[in-house]
Amino acid sequence: MHFVVHALDKPDALSRRHAVLAAHRTYLDQAPARHGVRVLLSGPLTSDDGARMIGSFFLLEAPDRKAIDAMFAADPMANADVWELRHLQAVTLRQNAMSGTDQSV
């Protein structure tokens, strides 16, 4: 199954985000596989001018929602109280042009 995670930072979280950013990236290099999750696409959400990080975005492949919840429970961003809201939603992929060719599914 595919899932989208859209997480918005707390208004006062920017310094905490920066403090754990390296640990968060290291965690994402290892933790998904341990939980049976595959990160297909991820990156920070930004202000419209791209100058400031305001959240996180993930497109994930996982057997179920529980695997993703378990993975995020130990994420340094979650433990540093960075995210105010974290929405997790299943998605059916219909088109994928990320590789430069349309890969409709």
N, C-alpha and C. Protein backbone atom coordinates (compact mmCIF):
# COMPACT_ATOMS: atom_id res chain seq x y z
N MET A 1 0.84 -1.18 0.00
CA MET A 1 0.00 0.00 0.00
C MET A 1 0.89 1.24 0.00
N HIS A 2 0.34 2.32 -0.53
CA HIS A 2 1.04 3.60 -0.54
C HIS A 2 0.36 4.56 0.42
N PHE A 3 1.18 5.38 1.06
CA PHE A 3 0.68 6.35 2.02
C PHE A 3 1.40 7.68 1.82
N VAL A 4 0.68 8.76 2.11
CA VAL A 4 1.25 10.10 2.12
C VAL A 4 1.28 10.58 3.56
N VAL A 5 2.40 11.15 3.96
CA VAL A 5 2.51 11.79 5.26
C VAL A 5 2.77 13.27 5.01
N HIS A 6 1.94 14.09 5.62
CA HIS A 6 2.06 15.55 5.52
C HIS A 6 2.13 16.05 6.96
N ALA A 7 3.31 16.50 7.37
CA ALA A 7 3.52 16.92 8.76
C ALA A 7 3.88 18.40 8.80
N LEU A 8 3.15 19.17 9.58
CA LEU A 8 3.43 20.59 9.73
C LEU A 8 4.10 20.85 11.06
N ASP A 9 5.11 21.69 11.03
CA ASP A 9 5.85 22.02 12.25
C ASP A 9 5.05 22.94 13.16
N LYS A 10 5.36 22.85 14.45
CA LYS A 10 4.83 23.82 15.41
C LYS A 10 5.45 25.18 15.09
N PRO A 11 4.74 26.26 15.38
CA PRO A 11 5.26 27.60 15.04
C PRO A 11 6.64 27.90 15.64
N ASP A 12 6.95 27.33 16.78
CA ASP A 12 8.22 27.62 17.45
C ASP A 12 9.25 26.51 17.26
N ALA A 13 9.11 25.67 16.24
CA ALA A 13 9.90 24.45 16.13
C ALA A 13 11.16 24.57 15.28
N LEU A 14 11.40 25.68 14.64
CA LEU A 14 12.50 25.74 13.68
C LEU A 14 13.86 25.42 14.32
N SER A 15 14.14 25.95 15.48
CA SER A 15 15.44 25.66 16.12
C SER A 15 15.54 24.19 16.51
N ARG A 16 14.42 23.58 16.97
CA ARG A 16 14.42 22.14 17.29
C ARG A 16 14.60 21.32 16.03
N ARG A 17 13.97 21.72 14.94
CA ARG A 17 14.12 21.02 13.66
C ARG A 17 15.58 20.99 13.25
N HIS A 18 16.23 22.16 13.27
CA HIS A 18 17.63 22.23 12.88
C HIS A 18 18.52 21.40 13.81
N ALA A 19 18.18 21.37 15.09
CA ALA A 19 18.99 20.64 16.07
C ALA A 19 18.98 19.13 15.83
N VAL A 20 17.88 18.59 15.29
CA VAL A 20 17.77 17.13 15.10
C VAL A 20 17.79 16.71 13.63
N LEU A 21 18.03 17.66 12.74
CA LEU A 21 17.95 17.36 11.30
C LEU A 21 18.93 16.26 10.88
N ALA A 22 20.16 16.32 11.33
CA ALA A 22 21.14 15.28 10.96
C ALA A 22 20.71 13.92 11.51
N ALA A 23 20.24 13.89 12.75
CA ALA A 23 19.79 12.63 13.36
C ALA A 23 18.56 12.09 12.62
N HIS A 24 17.66 12.97 12.21
CA HIS A 24 16.46 12.58 11.46
C HIS A 24 16.87 11.94 10.13
N ARG A 25 17.81 12.55 9.43
CA ARG A 25 18.26 12.00 8.14
C ARG A 25 18.94 10.65 8.32
N THR A 26 19.77 10.53 9.34
CA THR A 26 20.41 9.24 9.63
C THR A 26 19.38 8.19 9.97
N TYR A 27 18.39 8.57 10.76
CA TYR A 27 17.31 7.66 11.13
C TYR A 27 16.58 7.16 9.88
N LEU A 28 16.30 8.06 8.95
CA LEU A 28 15.58 7.68 7.73
C LEU A 28 16.42 6.83 6.78
N ASP A 29 17.73 6.82 6.97
CA ASP A 29 18.59 5.94 6.17
C ASP A 29 18.47 4.49 6.64
N GLN A 30 18.04 4.27 7.89
CA GLN A 30 18.05 2.93 8.47
C GLN A 30 16.68 2.42 8.91
N ALA A 31 15.90 3.25 9.53
CA ALA A 31 14.67 2.81 10.20
C ALA A 31 13.58 2.28 9.27
N PRO A 32 13.33 2.89 8.13
CA PRO A 32 12.21 2.38 7.31
C PRO A 32 12.30 0.88 7.03
N ALA A 33 13.45 0.39 6.63
CA ALA A 33 13.60 -1.03 6.31
C ALA A 33 13.31 -1.91 7.52
N ARG A 34 13.70 -1.46 8.71
CA ARG A 34 13.43 -2.23 9.93
C ARG A 34 11.93 -2.36 10.19
N HIS A 35 11.15 -1.42 9.68
CA HIS A 35 9.70 -1.44 9.90
C HIS A 35 8.93 -1.92 8.68
N GLY A 36 9.64 -2.37 7.65
CA GLY A 36 8.97 -2.83 6.44
C GLY A 36 8.40 -1.69 5.61
N VAL A 37 8.98 -0.51 5.75
CA VAL A 37 8.52 0.69 5.04
C VAL A 37 9.57 1.08 4.01
N ARG A 38 9.10 1.51 2.86
CA ARG A 38 9.99 2.01 1.82
C ARG A 38 9.66 3.48 1.56
N VAL A 39 10.67 4.34 1.66
CA VAL A 39 10.48 5.77 1.38
C VAL A 39 10.66 5.97 -0.12
N LEU A 40 9.58 6.35 -0.80
CA LEU A 40 9.63 6.57 -2.24
C LEU A 40 10.04 8.00 -2.57
N LEU A 41 9.62 8.92 -1.71
CA LEU A 41 9.87 10.34 -1.94
C LEU A 41 9.74 11.04 -0.60
N SER A 42 10.65 11.96 -0.32
CA SER A 42 10.53 12.71 0.93
C SER A 42 11.27 14.02 0.81
N GLY A 43 10.92 14.94 1.68
CA GLY A 43 11.61 16.22 1.72
C GLY A 43 10.89 17.18 2.64
N PRO A 44 11.55 18.28 2.95
CA PRO A 44 10.92 19.26 3.82
C PRO A 44 9.87 20.07 3.06
N LEU A 45 8.79 20.37 3.74
CA LEU A 45 7.85 21.36 3.24
C LEU A 45 8.47 22.72 3.54
N THR A 46 8.27 23.68 2.64
CA THR A 46 8.88 24.99 2.83
C THR A 46 7.85 26.10 2.69
N SER A 47 8.25 27.27 3.16
CA SER A 47 7.46 28.47 2.88
C SER A 47 7.45 28.65 1.36
N ASP A 48 6.50 29.43 0.86
CA ASP A 48 6.35 29.59 -0.59
C ASP A 48 7.61 30.11 -1.27
N ASP A 49 8.42 30.89 -0.58
CA ASP A 49 9.65 31.40 -1.18
C ASP A 49 10.82 30.42 -1.02
N GLY A 50 10.56 29.27 -0.35
CA GLY A 50 11.59 28.24 -0.18
C GLY A 50 12.64 28.57 0.86
N ALA A 51 12.47 29.66 1.58
CA ALA A 51 13.50 30.13 2.51
C ALA A 51 13.46 29.43 3.87
N ARG A 52 12.31 28.86 4.23
CA ARG A 52 12.17 28.33 5.59
C ARG A 52 11.46 26.98 5.55
N MET A 53 12.00 26.00 6.29
CA MET A 53 11.34 24.70 6.42
C MET A 53 10.16 24.84 7.38
N ILE A 54 9.02 24.28 6.98
CA ILE A 54 7.82 24.39 7.81
C ILE A 54 7.15 23.04 8.07
N GLY A 55 7.76 21.96 7.60
CA GLY A 55 7.16 20.66 7.80
C GLY A 55 7.88 19.59 7.01
N SER A 56 7.23 18.45 6.87
CA SER A 56 7.83 17.29 6.19
C SER A 56 6.80 16.60 5.32
N PHE A 57 7.28 16.03 4.21
CA PHE A 57 6.43 15.30 3.27
C PHE A 57 7.07 13.95 2.97
N PHE A 58 6.25 12.92 2.93
CA PHE A 58 6.73 11.58 2.59
C PHE A 58 5.71 10.88 1.70
N LEU A 59 6.19 10.17 0.71
CA LEU A 59 5.40 9.19 -0.02
C LEU A 59 6.02 7.85 0.33
N LEU A 60 5.25 6.98 0.95
CA LEU A 60 5.77 5.73 1.50
C LEU A 60 5.04 4.53 0.94
N GLU A 61 5.73 3.41 0.94
CA GLU A 61 5.13 2.12 0.63
C GLU A 61 5.28 1.27 1.88
N ALA A 62 4.19 0.72 2.36
CA ALA A 62 4.22 -0.06 3.60
C ALA A 62 3.08 -1.07 3.60
N PRO A 63 3.22 -2.13 4.40
CA PRO A 63 2.16 -3.12 4.46
C PRO A 63 0.87 -2.58 5.08
N ASP A 64 1.03 -1.63 6.01
CA ASP A 64 -0.14 -1.06 6.68
C ASP A 64 0.25 0.19 7.45
N ARG A 65 -0.75 0.86 7.96
CA ARG A 65 -0.58 2.10 8.72
C ARG A 65 0.24 1.88 10.00
N LYS A 66 0.08 0.73 10.63
CA LYS A 66 0.79 0.45 11.87
C LYS A 66 2.30 0.47 11.68
N ALA A 67 2.79 -0.01 10.55
CA ALA A 67 4.23 0.00 10.28
C ALA A 67 4.76 1.43 10.22
N ILE A 68 4.00 2.31 9.60
CA ILE A 68 4.42 3.71 9.49
C ILE A 68 4.36 4.39 10.86
N ASP A 69 3.29 4.15 11.59
CA ASP A 69 3.19 4.73 12.94
C ASP A 69 4.36 4.28 13.81
N ALA A 70 4.74 3.02 13.71
CA ALA A 70 5.86 2.51 14.50
C ALA A 70 7.16 3.18 14.08
N MET A 71 7.34 3.37 12.78
CA MET A 71 8.55 4.02 12.30
C MET A 71 8.64 5.47 12.81
N PHE A 72 7.56 6.20 12.71
CA PHE A 72 7.58 7.61 13.11
C PHE A 72 7.63 7.79 14.63
N ALA A 73 7.24 6.79 15.39
CA ALA A 73 7.25 6.92 16.85
C ALA A 73 8.66 7.18 17.38
N ALA A 74 9.68 6.67 16.70
CA ALA A 74 11.06 6.85 17.17
C ALA A 74 11.83 7.88 16.34
N ASP A 75 11.17 8.57 15.45
CA ASP A 75 11.85 9.57 14.62
C ASP A 75 12.31 10.74 15.48
N PRO A 76 13.55 11.20 15.30
CA PRO A 76 14.04 12.33 16.08
C PRO A 76 13.16 13.58 15.98
N MET A 77 12.53 13.81 14.85
CA MET A 77 11.63 14.97 14.72
C MET A 77 10.45 14.84 15.67
N ALA A 78 9.89 13.64 15.75
CA ALA A 78 8.76 13.42 16.66
C ALA A 78 9.21 13.55 18.11
N ASN A 79 10.36 12.99 18.41
CA ASN A 79 10.86 13.03 19.79
C ASN A 79 11.27 14.43 20.23
N ALA A 80 11.62 15.29 19.28
CA ALA A 80 11.99 16.67 19.59
C ALA A 80 10.78 17.60 19.57
N ASP A 81 9.59 17.02 19.41
CA ASP A 81 8.35 17.80 19.43
C ASP A 81 8.32 18.88 18.34
N VAL A 82 8.78 18.49 17.14
CA VAL A 82 8.82 19.42 16.01
C VAL A 82 7.45 19.53 15.34
N TRP A 83 6.82 18.40 15.09
CA TRP A 83 5.58 18.40 14.31
C TRP A 83 4.36 18.72 15.17
N GLU A 84 3.56 19.65 14.69
CA GLU A 84 2.30 19.97 15.35
C GLU A 84 1.21 19.03 14.87
N LEU A 85 1.17 18.80 13.56
CA LEU A 85 0.18 17.92 12.95
C LEU A 85 0.90 16.94 12.04
N ARG A 86 0.50 15.68 12.10
CA ARG A 86 1.05 14.69 11.17
C ARG A 86 -0.12 13.91 10.61
N HIS A 87 -0.43 14.17 9.34
CA HIS A 87 -1.52 13.48 8.67
C HIS A 87 -0.95 12.30 7.90
N LEU A 88 -1.56 11.15 8.06
CA LEU A 88 -1.18 9.93 7.36
C LEU A 88 -2.41 9.45 6.61
N GLN A 89 -2.27 9.30 5.29
CA GLN A 89 -3.42 8.91 4.48
C GLN A 89 -2.99 7.92 3.41
N ALA A 90 -3.76 6.87 3.23
CA ALA A 90 -3.53 5.94 2.13
C ALA A 90 -3.84 6.65 0.81
N VAL A 91 -3.10 6.26 -0.23
CA VAL A 91 -3.29 6.87 -1.54
C VAL A 91 -3.16 5.79 -2.61
N THR A 92 -3.97 5.88 -3.64
CA THR A 92 -3.85 5.03 -4.81
C THR A 92 -3.12 5.81 -5.88
N LEU A 93 -1.95 5.35 -6.27
CA LEU A 93 -1.17 6.06 -7.28
C LEU A 93 -1.74 5.78 -8.67
N ARG A 94 -1.95 6.84 -9.42
CA ARG A 94 -2.47 6.71 -10.77
C ARG A 94 -1.43 7.09 -11.82
N GLN A 95 -0.60 8.08 -11.52
CA GLN A 95 0.43 8.52 -12.45
C GLN A 95 1.71 8.77 -11.68
N ASN A 96 2.82 8.53 -12.37
CA ASN A 96 4.12 8.79 -11.78
C ASN A 96 5.05 9.25 -12.88
N ALA A 97 5.30 10.53 -12.95
CA ALA A 97 6.17 11.08 -13.96
C ALA A 97 7.52 11.48 -13.37
N MET A 98 7.82 11.01 -12.17
CA MET A 98 9.05 11.42 -11.49
C MET A 98 10.31 10.96 -12.23
N SER A 99 10.26 9.85 -12.95
CA SER A 99 11.46 9.35 -13.63
C SER A 99 11.63 9.98 -15.01
N GLY A 100 10.75 10.87 -15.39
CA GLY A 100 10.83 11.49 -16.70
C GLY A 100 9.93 10.84 -17.73
N THR A 101 9.37 9.68 -17.38
CA THR A 101 8.42 9.02 -18.27
C THR A 101 7.18 8.72 -17.45
N ASP A 102 6.04 8.85 -18.04
CA ASP A 102 4.78 8.58 -17.35
C ASP A 102 4.70 7.09 -17.02
N GLN A 103 4.48 6.80 -15.76
CA GLN A 103 4.37 5.41 -15.31
C GLN A 103 3.02 5.22 -14.64
N SER A 104 1.95 5.36 -15.38
CA SER A 104 0.61 5.21 -14.82
C SER A 104 0.45 3.82 -14.23
N VAL A 105 -0.21 3.78 -13.07
CA VAL A 105 -0.44 2.51 -12.40
C VAL A 105 -1.92 2.28 -12.21
